[in-house]
Amino acid sequence: MLIHEFIIHQIDKQADQGPSKLSLCPHSIAASATQETFLGDMNKVYNSKPSKIFGAFVVADEDTQGQQADSMQQLLGQYLAKTSNFIEFSQHAMQLLKQYMDQASKATGGYLVFAHYTLFGSDFLMIAMLNNVSGVAVDNNLDINSVDYLELNKLHLAARIDLTQWQEDASSGRYISMIRGKESHKLSEYFRKFIGSDESISSKEETSELLTAVNQFCEEKITDDEQKSQIRHKASEFCLEQADKGQNVVLKDFSNYAAEGVVDDFINYVNSEQFKLSQEIAPNKTVIRRFNKISGRNDRISITINEEALGESVIFDPKNETLTITDLPAALKAQLLDR
């Protein structure tokens, strides 16, 4: 990871208690190993969030373009064109955020991290709202001290803009990704307006559509059970790897990996009118992890099985409607032995 610019500002606002107050940092934070670790950890947390929304900058109507106040798109364009520097860009962005937060009475403030960095050959802008949390630490004298730290594991609100994709392929409509905290949609709507995204694509929906296409292709076009299982396994494996890296699933690369040997047939199948798939998919981990699982429950039993275990450690007898399970999980075996 190469960090180009990094700055933190604060917006102080309590729910239902008047307008927000800004505390703006006058300088960028110098590059350091701590900074790189922090941003790397923040990216990992961001990538792990399951329900991202993908979109693009909202296009203003021609009649209102000249009347509009600064937008994130305009501010970011000025920074990338070098007509403003990163400090100016981030400070103007905070003024924009204040306008939208003051209209959301229930919204609360926090620390805003602005980071411009390069990762996997692409430039990104990350904007994340974080809150402080109190804790304790042991110092060099083995004394306990109270400390405040930014709670990375609970990202309040965050957005990541793929600057390279925006500049090279703005028509893709998916160069902005966003996550939300636990607050309601209405409470976080101000953040989407601040970013200026049209919020057009749900990663959950498009991942589900892709894996549905994989399933149907296997059932309709593949007769060998082992090959079906292999395609499904490699499909989920590829999607999870991309999700862990925070990258999209490119349909061509996905097909070459998952549908090796039947690539052309698979691409033709998923590109048919039956499915509405983009050439790049934003992978959703929750959907992926459910893909190769068979599950069911009644009042007394709940069972979830990885499909690849069928015929090996799990044997189904359809005639007697029974399951025979070997290779029991150690924790389950220990509980049974204690009964």
C-alpha atoms as a PDB file:
ATOM      1  CA  MET A   1       0.000   0.000   0.000  1.00  0.00           C
ATOM      2  CA  LEU A   2       1.292   3.446  -0.970  1.00  0.00           C
ATOM      3  CA  ILE A   3      -0.287   6.280   1.043  1.00  0.00           C
ATOM      4  CA  HIS A   4      -0.351   9.622  -0.777  1.00  0.00           C
ATOM      5  CA  GLU A   5      -2.365  11.749   1.655  1.00  0.00           C
ATOM      6  CA  PHE A   6      -3.906  11.201   5.083  1.00  0.00           C
ATOM      7  CA  ILE A   7      -5.831  13.571   7.339  1.00  0.00           C
ATOM      8  CA  ILE A   8      -8.362  13.397  10.184  1.00  0.00           C
ATOM      9  CA  HIS A   9     -11.031  15.985  11.037  1.00  0.00           C
ATOM     10  CA  GLN A  10     -13.741  15.980  13.679  1.00  0.00           C
ATOM     11  CA  ILE A  11     -17.423  16.839  13.533  1.00  0.00           C
ATOM     12  CA  ASP A  12     -19.132  17.202  16.910  1.00  0.00           C
ATOM     13  CA  LYS A  13     -22.890  16.677  16.970  1.00  0.00           C
ATOM     14  CA  GLN A  14     -25.350  15.253  19.463  1.00  0.00           C
ATOM     15  CA  ALA A  15     -28.731  13.912  18.417  1.00  0.00           C
ATOM     16  CA  ASP A  16     -31.492  16.547  18.625  1.00  0.00           C
ATOM     17  CA  GLN A  17     -29.106  19.144  20.060  1.00  0.00           C
ATOM     18  CA  GLY A  18     -28.602  21.817  17.467  1.00  0.00           C
ATOM     19  CA  PRO A  19     -26.096  22.242  14.637  1.00  0.00           C
ATOM     20  CA  SER A  20     -22.789  20.419  14.398  1.00  0.00           C
ATOM     21  CA  LYS A  21     -19.358  21.931  15.091  1.00  0.00           C
ATOM     22  CA  LEU A  22     -16.246  21.300  13.033  1.00  0.00           C
ATOM     23  CA  SER A  23     -12.677  20.867  14.242  1.00  0.00           C
ATOM     24  CA  LEU A  24     -10.519  20.916  11.118  1.00  0.00           C
ATOM     25  CA  CYS A  25      -6.924  19.737  11.022  1.00  0.00           C
ATOM     26  CA  PRO A  26      -4.704  22.302   9.212  1.00  0.00           C
ATOM     27  CA  HIS A  27      -2.171  19.780   7.951  1.00  0.00           C
ATOM     28  CA  SER A  28      -1.857  16.266   6.548  1.00  0.00           C
ATOM     29  CA  ILE A  29      -0.516  13.528   8.798  1.00  0.00           C
ATOM     30  CA  ALA A  30       3.019  12.519   7.825  1.00  0.00           C
ATOM     31  CA  ALA A  31       3.507   9.000   6.507  1.00  0.00           C
ATOM     32  CA  SER A  32       4.587   6.441   9.094  1.00  0.00           C
ATOM     33  CA  ALA A  33       4.509   2.727   9.816  1.00  0.00           C
ATOM     34  CA  THR A  34       1.696   3.336  12.321  1.00  0.00           C
ATOM     35  CA  GLN A  35      -0.350   5.152   9.697  1.00  0.00           C
ATOM     36  CA  GLU A  36       0.140   2.349   7.169  1.00  0.00           C
ATOM     37  CA  THR A  37      -0.865  -0.291   9.743  1.00  0.00           C
ATOM     38  CA  PHE A  38      -3.935   1.726  10.700  1.00  0.00           C
ATOM     39  CA  LEU A  39      -5.089   2.172   7.099  1.00  0.00           C
ATOM     40  CA  GLY A  40      -4.322  -1.467   6.288  1.00  0.00           C
ATOM     41  CA  ASP A  41      -6.424  -2.608   9.237  1.00  0.00           C
ATOM     42  CA  MET A  42      -9.228  -0.240   8.253  1.00  0.00           C
ATOM     43  CA  ASN A  43      -9.255  -1.705   4.748  1.00  0.00           C
ATOM     44  CA  LYS A  44      -9.486  -5.226   6.174  1.00  0.00           C
ATOM     45  CA  VAL A  45     -12.438  -4.245   8.352  1.00  0.00           C
ATOM     46  CA  TYR A  46     -14.064  -2.479   5.399  1.00  0.00           C
ATOM     47  CA  ASN A  47     -13.598  -5.496   3.136  1.00  0.00           C
ATOM     48  CA  SER A  48     -15.109  -7.789   5.772  1.00  0.00           C
ATOM     49  CA  LYS A  49     -18.383  -5.863   5.920  1.00  0.00           C
ATOM     50  CA  PRO A  50     -20.942  -8.029   4.100  1.00  0.00           C
ATOM     51  CA  SER A  51     -23.611  -5.620   2.870  1.00  0.00           C
ATOM     52  CA  LYS A  52     -22.012  -2.967   0.720  1.00  0.00           C
ATOM     53  CA  ILE A  53     -23.856  -0.727  -1.688  1.00  0.00           C
ATOM     54  CA  PHE A  54     -22.195   0.136  -5.010  1.00  0.00           C
ATOM     55  CA  GLY A  55     -22.935   3.092  -7.219  1.00  0.00           C
ATOM     56  CA  ALA A  56     -21.636   6.178  -8.992  1.00  0.00           C
ATOM     57  CA  PHE A  57     -21.785   9.918  -8.586  1.00  0.00           C
ATOM     58  CA  VAL A  58     -25.240  11.362  -9.162  1.00  0.00           C
ATOM     59  CA  VAL A  59     -25.432  13.319 -12.403  1.00  0.00           C
ATOM     60  CA  ALA A  60     -26.980  16.736 -11.813  1.00  0.00           C
ATOM     61  CA  ASP A  61     -29.791  17.951 -14.024  1.00  0.00           C
ATOM     62  CA  GLU A  62     -28.666  20.478 -16.643  1.00  0.00           C
ATOM     63  CA  ASP A  63     -31.113  23.044 -15.271  1.00  0.00           C
ATOM     64  CA  THR A  64     -29.601  22.903 -11.768  1.00  0.00           C
ATOM     65  CA  GLN A  65     -25.923  22.350 -12.449  1.00  0.00           C
ATOM     66  CA  GLY A  66     -25.036  26.030 -12.283  1.00  0.00           C
ATOM     67  CA  GLN A  67     -27.064  26.577  -9.132  1.00  0.00           C
ATOM     68  CA  GLN A  68     -25.656  23.732  -7.060  1.00  0.00           C
ATOM     69  CA  ALA A  69     -23.278  24.120  -4.141  1.00  0.00           C
ATOM     70  CA  ASP A  70     -20.026  22.164  -4.150  1.00  0.00           C
ATOM     71  CA  SER A  71     -20.480  18.402  -4.388  1.00  0.00           C
ATOM     72  CA  MET A  72     -18.052  15.631  -3.528  1.00  0.00           C
ATOM     73  CA  GLN A  73     -17.649  14.978  -7.234  1.00  0.00           C
ATOM     74  CA  GLN A  74     -16.666  18.592  -7.882  1.00  0.00           C
ATOM     75  CA  LEU A  75     -14.337  18.822  -4.893  1.00  0.00           C
ATOM     76  CA  LEU A  76     -12.633  15.553  -5.746  1.00  0.00           C
ATOM     77  CA  GLY A  77     -12.294  16.573  -9.383  1.00  0.00           C
ATOM     78  CA  GLN A  78     -10.554  19.793  -8.338  1.00  0.00           C
ATOM     79  CA  TYR A  79      -8.149  17.873  -6.113  1.00  0.00           C
ATOM     80  CA  LEU A  80      -7.277  15.352  -8.825  1.00  0.00           C
ATOM     81  CA  ALA A  81      -6.834  18.204 -11.322  1.00  0.00           C
ATOM     82  CA  LYS A  82      -4.453  19.797  -8.777  1.00  0.00           C
ATOM     83  CA  THR A  83      -6.412  23.039  -8.585  1.00  0.00           C
ATOM     84  CA  SER A  84      -6.731  22.390  -4.842  1.00  0.00           C
ATOM     85  CA  ASN A  85      -4.607  20.407  -2.418  1.00  0.00           C
ATOM     86  CA  PHE A  86      -5.709  17.536  -0.192  1.00  0.00           C
ATOM     87  CA  ILE A  87      -6.091  19.715   2.910  1.00  0.00           C
ATOM     88  CA  GLU A  88      -8.375  22.128   1.045  1.00  0.00           C
ATOM     89  CA  PHE A  89     -10.331  19.257  -0.488  1.00  0.00           C
ATOM     90  CA  SER A  90     -10.921  17.539   2.860  1.00  0.00           C
ATOM     91  CA  GLN A  91     -11.832  20.780   4.671  1.00  0.00           C
ATOM     92  CA  HIS A  92     -14.349  21.750   1.987  1.00  0.00           C
ATOM     93  CA  ALA A  93     -15.713  18.188   2.139  1.00  0.00           C
ATOM     94  CA  MET A  94     -16.238  18.595   5.887  1.00  0.00           C
ATOM     95  CA  GLN A  95     -18.235  21.779   5.270  1.00  0.00           C
ATOM     96  CA  LEU A  96     -20.356  19.773   2.840  1.00  0.00           C
ATOM     97  CA  LEU A  97     -20.834  17.014   5.409  1.00  0.00           C
ATOM     98  CA  LYS A  98     -21.903  19.582   8.015  1.00  0.00           C
ATOM     99  CA  GLN A  99     -24.673  20.823   5.714  1.00  0.00           C
ATOM    100  CA  TYR A 100     -26.167  17.339   5.392  1.00  0.00           C
ATOM    101  CA  MET A 101     -25.641  16.360   9.041  1.00  0.00           C
ATOM    102  CA  ASP A 102     -27.391  19.489  10.285  1.00  0.00           C
ATOM    103  CA  GLN A 103     -30.453  18.411   8.311  1.00  0.00           C
ATOM    104  CA  ALA A 104     -30.430  14.982  10.027  1.00  0.00           C
ATOM    105  CA  SER A 105     -31.544  15.669  13.589  1.00  0.00           C
ATOM    106  CA  LYS A 106     -30.722  12.182  14.890  1.00  0.00           C
ATOM    107  CA  ALA A 107     -27.233  12.032  13.362  1.00  0.00           C
ATOM    108  CA  THR A 108     -24.209  12.065  15.668  1.00  0.00           C
ATOM    109  CA  GLY A 109     -20.650  13.083  14.921  1.00  0.00           C
ATOM    110  CA  GLY A 110     -17.240  11.483  15.037  1.00  0.00           C
ATOM    111  CA  TYR A 111     -13.762  11.556  13.507  1.00  0.00           C
ATOM    112  CA  LEU A 112     -13.552  11.672   9.712  1.00  0.00           C
ATOM    113  CA  VAL A 113     -10.577   9.909   8.159  1.00  0.00           C
ATOM    114  CA  PHE A 114      -9.669  10.965   4.611  1.00  0.00           C
ATOM    115  CA  ALA A 115      -7.041   8.797   2.921  1.00  0.00           C
ATOM    116  CA  HIS A 116      -5.753   8.770  -0.657  1.00  0.00           C
ATOM    117  CA  TYR A 117      -3.717   5.643  -1.373  1.00  0.00           C
ATOM    118  CA  THR A 118      -2.722   3.134  -4.034  1.00  0.00           C
ATOM    119  CA  LEU A 119      -3.498  -0.566  -3.581  1.00  0.00           C
ATOM    120  CA  PHE A 120      -3.284  -3.407  -6.125  1.00  0.00           C
ATOM    121  CA  GLY A 121      -2.420  -0.891  -8.852  1.00  0.00           C
ATOM    122  CA  SER A 122      -5.486   1.341  -8.331  1.00  0.00           C
ATOM    123  CA  ASP A 123      -5.887   4.671  -6.582  1.00  0.00           C
ATOM    124  CA  PHE A 124      -8.559   4.939  -3.873  1.00  0.00           C
ATOM    125  CA  LEU A 125     -10.071   7.563  -1.622  1.00  0.00           C
ATOM    126  CA  MET A 126     -11.369   6.257   1.685  1.00  0.00           C
ATOM    127  CA  ILE A 127     -13.647   8.394   3.829  1.00  0.00           C
ATOM    128  CA  ALA A 128     -14.585   6.798   7.134  1.00  0.00           C
ATOM    129  CA  MET A 129     -16.344   8.018  10.263  1.00  0.00           C
ATOM    130  CA  LEU A 130     -14.966   6.515  13.461  1.00  0.00           C
ATOM    131  CA  ASN A 131     -15.683   6.995  17.135  1.00  0.00           C
ATOM    132  CA  ASN A 132     -13.387   6.985  20.140  1.00  0.00           C
ATOM    133  CA  VAL A 133     -13.743   4.276  22.752  1.00  0.00           C
ATOM    134  CA  SER A 134     -12.173   4.197  26.204  1.00  0.00           C
ATOM    135  CA  GLY A 135      -9.868   1.392  27.300  1.00  0.00           C
ATOM    136  CA  VAL A 136      -6.901   0.601  29.501  1.00  0.00           C
ATOM    137  CA  ALA A 137      -3.259  -0.077  28.726  1.00  0.00           C
ATOM    138  CA  VAL A 138      -0.177  -1.105  30.690  1.00  0.00           C
ATOM    139  CA  ASP A 139       2.755   1.331  30.378  1.00  0.00           C
ATOM    140  CA  ASN A 140       6.516   0.701  30.647  1.00  0.00           C
ATOM    141  CA  ASN A 141       6.308   1.024  34.423  1.00  0.00           C
ATOM    142  CA  LEU A 142       3.651  -1.706  34.522  1.00  0.00           C
ATOM    143  CA  ASP A 143       1.020   0.852  35.574  1.00  0.00           C
ATOM    144  CA  ILE A 144      -2.510   0.821  34.186  1.00  0.00           C
ATOM    145  CA  ASN A 145      -3.541   3.948  32.317  1.00  0.00           C
ATOM    146  CA  SER A 146      -6.820   4.980  30.747  1.00  0.00           C
ATOM    147  CA  VAL A 147      -6.574   5.490  26.978  1.00  0.00           C
ATOM    148  CA  ASP A 148      -8.926   6.503  24.183  1.00  0.00           C
ATOM    149  CA  TYR A 149      -8.583   4.911  20.766  1.00  0.00           C
ATOM    150  CA  LEU A 150     -10.421   4.827  17.456  1.00  0.00           C
ATOM    151  CA  GLU A 151     -12.689   1.808  17.314  1.00  0.00           C
ATOM    152  CA  LEU A 152     -11.838   0.304  13.934  1.00  0.00           C
ATOM    153  CA  ASN A 153     -13.899  -2.849  14.379  1.00  0.00           C
ATOM    154  CA  LYS A 154     -17.074  -0.793  14.468  1.00  0.00           C
ATOM    155  CA  LEU A 155     -16.876   1.439  11.427  1.00  0.00           C
ATOM    156  CA  HIS A 156     -19.593   4.023  11.909  1.00  0.00           C
ATOM    157  CA  LEU A 157     -19.979   4.993   8.274  1.00  0.00           C
ATOM    158  CA  ALA A 158     -17.556   4.614   5.370  1.00  0.00           C
ATOM    159  CA  ALA A 159     -17.198   5.010   1.625  1.00  0.00           C
ATOM    160  CA  ARG A 160     -14.426   4.024  -0.777  1.00  0.00           C
ATOM    161  CA  ILE A 161     -14.071   5.590  -4.204  1.00  0.00           C
ATOM    162  CA  ASP A 162     -12.017   3.794  -6.840  1.00  0.00           C
ATOM    163  CA  LEU A 163     -10.397   6.862  -8.370  1.00  0.00           C
ATOM    164  CA  THR A 164      -8.751   4.894 -11.161  1.00  0.00           C
ATOM    165  CA  GLN A 165     -12.007   3.321 -12.278  1.00  0.00           C
ATOM    166  CA  TRP A 166     -13.853   6.641 -12.029  1.00  0.00           C
ATOM    167  CA  GLN A 167     -11.298   8.328 -14.271  1.00  0.00           C
ATOM    168  CA  GLU A 168     -10.912   5.474 -16.738  1.00  0.00           C
ATOM    169  CA  ASP A 169     -14.431   3.976 -16.863  1.00  0.00           C
ATOM    170  CA  ALA A 170     -16.992   6.255 -15.218  1.00  0.00           C
ATOM    171  CA  SER A 171     -19.767   4.527 -17.191  1.00  0.00           C
ATOM    172  CA  SER A 172     -19.283   1.357 -15.112  1.00  0.00           C
ATOM    173  CA  GLY A 173     -21.581   2.855 -12.480  1.00  0.00           C
ATOM    174  CA  ARG A 174     -19.852   1.015  -9.629  1.00  0.00           C
ATOM    175  CA  TYR A 175     -16.725   2.886  -8.616  1.00  0.00           C
ATOM    176  CA  ILE A 176     -18.192   3.992  -5.262  1.00  0.00           C
ATOM    177  CA  SER A 177     -18.817   1.514  -2.457  1.00  0.00           C
ATOM    178  CA  MET A 178     -20.406   2.284   0.895  1.00  0.00           C
ATOM    179  CA  ILE A 179     -21.099   0.575   4.187  1.00  0.00           C
ATOM    180  CA  ARG A 180     -23.397   1.707   6.947  1.00  0.00           C
ATOM    181  CA  GLY A 181     -23.455   1.305  10.692  1.00  0.00           C
ATOM    182  CA  LYS A 182     -26.336  -0.168  12.635  1.00  0.00           C
ATOM    183  CA  GLU A 183     -28.383   3.008  12.525  1.00  0.00           C
ATOM    184  CA  SER A 184     -31.472   3.116  10.344  1.00  0.00           C
ATOM    185  CA  HIS A 185     -31.408   3.898   6.640  1.00  0.00           C
ATOM    186  CA  LYS A 186     -32.880   7.344   7.289  1.00  0.00           C
ATOM    187  CA  LEU A 187     -30.191   8.237   9.815  1.00  0.00           C
ATOM    188  CA  SER A 188     -27.365   7.399   7.408  1.00  0.00           C
ATOM    189  CA  GLU A 189     -29.006   8.844   4.311  1.00  0.00           C
ATOM    190  CA  TYR A 190     -27.161  12.101   4.957  1.00  0.00           C
ATOM    191  CA  PHE A 191     -23.849  10.276   4.441  1.00  0.00           C
ATOM    192  CA  ARG A 192     -24.906   8.932   1.040  1.00  0.00           C
ATOM    193  CA  LYS A 193     -25.947  12.457   0.030  1.00  0.00           C
ATOM    194  CA  PHE A 194     -22.609  13.771   1.291  1.00  0.00           C
ATOM    195  CA  ILE A 195     -20.732  11.279  -0.895  1.00  0.00           C
ATOM    196  CA  GLY A 196     -23.125  11.989  -3.773  1.00  0.00           C
ATOM    197  CA  SER A 197     -23.678   8.351  -4.740  1.00  0.00           C
ATOM    198  CA  ASP A 198     -26.768   7.096  -6.545  1.00  0.00           C
ATOM    199  CA  GLU A 199     -26.622   3.826  -4.533  1.00  0.00           C
ATOM    200  CA  SER A 200     -27.632   1.755  -7.537  1.00  0.00           C
ATOM    201  CA  ILE A 201     -26.247  -1.734  -6.915  1.00  0.00           C
ATOM    202  CA  SER A 202     -26.519  -4.117  -3.971  1.00  0.00           C
ATOM    203  CA  SER A 203     -23.576  -6.505  -3.586  1.00  0.00           C
ATOM    204  CA  LYS A 204     -25.887  -9.027  -1.916  1.00  0.00           C
ATOM    205  CA  GLU A 205     -28.299  -9.107  -4.839  1.00  0.00           C
ATOM    206  CA  GLU A 206     -25.721  -9.346  -7.595  1.00  0.00           C
ATOM    207  CA  THR A 207     -23.669 -12.013  -5.798  1.00  0.00           C
ATOM    208  CA  SER A 208     -26.833 -14.029  -5.331  1.00  0.00           C
ATOM    209  CA  GLU A 209     -27.634 -13.639  -9.039  1.00  0.00           C
ATOM    210  CA  LEU A 210     -24.145 -14.798 -10.055  1.00  0.00           C
ATOM    211  CA  LEU A 211     -24.228 -17.883  -7.850  1.00  0.00           C
ATOM    212  CA  THR A 212     -27.772 -18.684  -8.975  1.00  0.00           C
ATOM    213  CA  ALA A 213     -26.431 -18.652 -12.539  1.00  0.00           C
ATOM    214  CA  VAL A 214     -23.640 -21.032 -11.503  1.00  0.00           C
ATOM    215  CA  ASN A 215     -26.138 -23.396  -9.896  1.00  0.00           C
ATOM    216  CA  GLN A 216     -28.487 -23.417 -12.860  1.00  0.00           C
ATOM    217  CA  PHE A 217     -25.631 -23.871 -15.320  1.00  0.00           C
ATOM    218  CA  CYS A 218     -24.421 -26.925 -13.390  1.00  0.00           C
ATOM    219  CA  GLU A 219     -27.902 -28.450 -13.275  1.00  0.00           C
ATOM    220  CA  GLU A 220     -28.757 -27.779 -16.913  1.00  0.00           C
ATOM    221  CA  LYS A 221     -25.432 -28.161 -18.708  1.00  0.00           C
ATOM    222  CA  ILE A 222     -23.224 -30.471 -16.594  1.00  0.00           C
ATOM    223  CA  THR A 223     -24.027 -34.166 -16.207  1.00  0.00           C
ATOM    224  CA  ASP A 224     -21.035 -35.281 -14.145  1.00  0.00           C
ATOM    225  CA  ASP A 225     -21.691 -34.837 -10.416  1.00  0.00           C
ATOM    226  CA  GLU A 226     -18.017 -34.436  -9.571  1.00  0.00           C
ATOM    227  CA  GLN A 227     -17.619 -31.662 -12.135  1.00  0.00           C
ATOM    228  CA  LYS A 228     -20.706 -29.906 -10.774  1.00  0.00           C
ATOM    229  CA  SER A 229     -19.247 -29.970  -7.281  1.00  0.00           C
ATOM    230  CA  GLN A 230     -15.877 -28.737  -8.523  1.00  0.00           C
ATOM    231  CA  ILE A 231     -17.384 -25.779 -10.393  1.00  0.00           C
ATOM    232  CA  ARG A 232     -19.472 -24.746  -7.391  1.00  0.00           C
ATOM    233  CA  HIS A 233     -16.498 -25.035  -5.038  1.00  0.00           C
ATOM    234  CA  LYS A 234     -14.161 -23.058  -7.293  1.00  0.00           C
ATOM    235  CA  ALA A 235     -16.855 -20.403  -7.842  1.00  0.00           C
ATOM    236  CA  SER A 236     -17.205 -19.720  -4.124  1.00  0.00           C
ATOM    237  CA  GLU A 237     -13.441 -19.958  -3.606  1.00  0.00           C
ATOM    238  CA  PHE A 238     -12.735 -17.322  -6.266  1.00  0.00           C
ATOM    239  CA  CYS A 239     -15.438 -14.971  -4.954  1.00  0.00           C
ATOM    240  CA  LEU A 240     -14.167 -15.224  -1.367  1.00  0.00           C
ATOM    241  CA  GLU A 241     -10.596 -14.495  -2.443  1.00  0.00           C
ATOM    242  CA  GLN A 242     -11.721 -11.352  -4.268  1.00  0.00           C
ATOM    243  CA  ALA A 243     -13.880 -10.275  -1.329  1.00  0.00           C
ATOM    244  CA  ASP A 244     -10.929 -10.661   1.060  1.00  0.00           C
ATOM    245  CA  LYS A 245      -8.857  -8.383  -1.186  1.00  0.00           C
ATOM    246  CA  GLY A 246     -11.693  -5.873  -1.531  1.00  0.00           C
ATOM    247  CA  GLN A 247     -11.798  -6.381  -5.290  1.00  0.00           C
ATOM    248  CA  ASN A 248     -14.628  -7.041  -7.717  1.00  0.00           C
ATOM    249  CA  VAL A 249     -15.208 -10.383  -9.407  1.00  0.00           C
ATOM    250  CA  VAL A 250     -14.457  -9.900 -13.101  1.00  0.00           C
ATOM    251  CA  LEU A 251     -16.781 -12.265 -14.940  1.00  0.00           C
ATOM    252  CA  LYS A 252     -14.158 -13.322 -17.504  1.00  0.00           C
ATOM    253  CA  ASP A 253     -11.567 -14.178 -14.823  1.00  0.00           C
ATOM    254  CA  PHE A 254     -14.228 -15.881 -12.721  1.00  0.00           C
ATOM    255  CA  SER A 255     -15.294 -18.038 -15.675  1.00  0.00           C
ATOM    256  CA  ASN A 256     -11.727 -19.023 -16.551  1.00  0.00           C
ATOM    257  CA  TYR A 257     -11.151 -20.195 -12.977  1.00  0.00           C
ATOM    258  CA  ALA A 258     -14.472 -21.746 -11.971  1.00  0.00           C
ATOM    259  CA  ALA A 259     -15.631 -23.165 -15.296  1.00  0.00           C
ATOM    260  CA  GLU A 260     -12.333 -24.456 -16.605  1.00  0.00           C
ATOM    261  CA  GLY A 261     -12.982 -26.697 -19.599  1.00  0.00           C
ATOM    262  CA  VAL A 262     -16.442 -25.242 -20.263  1.00  0.00           C
ATOM    263  CA  VAL A 263     -15.561 -21.536 -20.167  1.00  0.00           C
ATOM    264  CA  ASP A 264     -17.226 -20.527 -23.432  1.00  0.00           C
ATOM    265  CA  ASP A 265     -20.430 -22.390 -22.615  1.00  0.00           C
ATOM    266  CA  PHE A 266     -20.539 -20.794 -19.169  1.00  0.00           C
ATOM    267  CA  ILE A 267     -19.936 -17.230 -20.412  1.00  0.00           C
ATOM    268  CA  ASN A 268     -22.626 -17.611 -23.066  1.00  0.00           C
ATOM    269  CA  TYR A 269     -25.013 -18.960 -20.435  1.00  0.00           C
ATOM    270  CA  VAL A 270     -24.536 -16.181 -17.866  1.00  0.00           C
ATOM    271  CA  ASN A 271     -24.603 -13.480 -20.553  1.00  0.00           C
ATOM    272  CA  SER A 272     -28.003 -14.630 -21.764  1.00  0.00           C
ATOM    273  CA  GLU A 273     -31.120 -12.526 -21.178  1.00  0.00           C
ATOM    274  CA  GLN A 274     -32.058 -14.879 -18.348  1.00  0.00           C
ATOM    275  CA  PHE A 275     -29.553 -13.138 -16.072  1.00  0.00           C
ATOM    276  CA  LYS A 276     -28.781  -9.456 -15.665  1.00  0.00           C
ATOM    277  CA  LEU A 277     -25.137  -9.705 -14.708  1.00  0.00           C
ATOM    278  CA  SER A 278     -22.523  -6.983 -14.988  1.00  0.00           C
ATOM    279  CA  GLN A 279     -19.065  -7.867 -16.253  1.00  0.00           C
ATOM    280  CA  GLU A 280     -17.828  -7.019 -12.749  1.00  0.00           C
ATOM    281  CA  ILE A 281     -19.574  -8.233  -9.606  1.00  0.00           C
ATOM    282  CA  ALA A 282     -19.122  -6.943  -6.046  1.00  0.00           C
ATOM    283  CA  PRO A 283     -18.795 -10.148  -3.949  1.00  0.00           C
ATOM    284  CA  ASN A 284     -20.857 -10.470  -0.764  1.00  0.00           C
ATOM    285  CA  LYS A 285     -19.289 -12.855   1.778  1.00  0.00           C
ATOM    286  CA  THR A 286     -22.544 -13.758   3.518  1.00  0.00           C
ATOM    287  CA  VAL A 287     -24.111 -14.949   0.264  1.00  0.00           C
ATOM    288  CA  ILE A 288     -20.945 -16.780  -0.807  1.00  0.00           C
ATOM    289  CA  ARG A 289     -20.621 -18.713   2.446  1.00  0.00           C
ATOM    290  CA  ARG A 290     -24.185 -19.993   2.141  1.00  0.00           C
ATOM    291  CA  PHE A 291     -23.658 -21.116  -1.452  1.00  0.00           C
ATOM    292  CA  ASN A 292     -22.198 -24.592  -0.873  1.00  0.00           C
ATOM    293  CA  LYS A 293     -24.272 -25.383   2.193  1.00  0.00           C
ATOM    294  CA  ILE A 294     -27.368 -27.548   2.575  1.00  0.00           C
ATOM    295  CA  SER A 295     -29.398 -26.837   5.669  1.00  0.00           C
ATOM    296  CA  GLY A 296     -32.697 -27.585   7.337  1.00  0.00           C
ATOM    297  CA  ARG A 297     -34.323 -27.599  10.728  1.00  0.00           C
ATOM    298  CA  ASN A 298     -37.375 -28.704  12.675  1.00  0.00           C
ATOM    299  CA  ASP A 299     -38.388 -28.323  16.308  1.00  0.00           C
ATOM    300  CA  ARG A 300     -35.634 -30.665  17.536  1.00  0.00           C
ATOM    301  CA  ILE A 301     -32.835 -30.690  14.961  1.00  0.00           C
ATOM    302  CA  SER A 302     -30.894 -28.085  12.983  1.00  0.00           C
ATOM    303  CA  ILE A 303     -28.377 -29.350  10.398  1.00  0.00           C
ATOM    304  CA  THR A 304     -26.023 -27.523   8.022  1.00  0.00           C
ATOM    305  CA  ILE A 305     -23.782 -29.525   5.672  1.00  0.00           C
ATOM    306  CA  ASN A 306     -21.128 -28.469   3.179  1.00  0.00           C
ATOM    307  CA  GLU A 307     -22.208 -29.924  -0.149  1.00  0.00           C
ATOM    308  CA  GLU A 308     -18.756 -31.394  -0.785  1.00  0.00           C
ATOM    309  CA  ALA A 309     -19.192 -33.622   2.308  1.00  0.00           C
ATOM    310  CA  LEU A 310     -22.116 -35.479   0.694  1.00  0.00           C
ATOM    311  CA  GLY A 311     -21.085 -38.959  -0.349  1.00  0.00           C
ATOM    312  CA  GLU A 312     -17.989 -38.835   1.861  1.00  0.00           C
ATOM    313  CA  SER A 313     -18.420 -37.990   5.536  1.00  0.00           C
ATOM    314  CA  VAL A 314     -22.180 -37.543   5.086  1.00  0.00           C
ATOM    315  CA  ILE A 315     -24.194 -40.354   3.451  1.00  0.00           C
ATOM    316  CA  PHE A 316     -27.856 -39.826   2.594  1.00  0.00           C
ATOM    317  CA  ASP A 317     -30.148 -42.843   2.229  1.00  0.00           C
ATOM    318  CA  PRO A 318     -33.240 -41.547   0.380  1.00  0.00           C
ATOM    319  CA  LYS A 319     -35.093 -44.846   0.777  1.00  0.00           C
ATOM    320  CA  ASN A 320     -34.957 -44.802   4.576  1.00  0.00           C
ATOM    321  CA  GLU A 321     -34.660 -40.999   4.818  1.00  0.00           C
ATOM    322  CA  THR A 322     -31.564 -41.187   7.025  1.00  0.00           C
ATOM    323  CA  LEU A 323     -28.186 -39.462   7.231  1.00  0.00           C
ATOM    324  CA  THR A 324     -25.030 -41.279   8.323  1.00  0.00           C
ATOM    325  CA  ILE A 325     -22.358 -38.859   9.541  1.00  0.00           C
ATOM    326  CA  THR A 326     -18.717 -39.737  10.143  1.00  0.00           C
ATOM    327  CA  ASP A 327     -15.743 -37.482  10.944  1.00  0.00           C
ATOM    328  CA  LEU A 328     -17.715 -35.679  13.655  1.00  0.00           C
ATOM    329  CA  PRO A 329     -16.472 -32.240  14.732  1.00  0.00           C
ATOM    330  CA  ALA A 330     -14.338 -32.529  17.891  1.00  0.00           C
ATOM    331  CA  ALA A 331     -16.522 -30.106  19.867  1.00  0.00           C
ATOM    332  CA  LEU A 332     -19.685 -32.031  19.003  1.00  0.00           C
ATOM    333  CA  LYS A 333     -18.046 -35.362  19.872  1.00  0.00           C
ATOM    334  CA  ALA A 334     -16.907 -34.009  23.246  1.00  0.00           C
ATOM    335  CA  GLN A 335     -20.409 -32.804  24.089  1.00  0.00           C
ATOM    336  CA  LEU A 336     -21.924 -36.165  23.158  1.00  0.00           C
ATOM    337  CA  LEU A 337     -19.382 -38.067  25.275  1.00  0.00           C
ATOM    338  CA  ASP A 338     -20.225 -35.863  28.275  1.00  0.00           C
ATOM    339  CA  ARG A 339     -23.913 -36.809  28.122  1.00  0.00           C
END
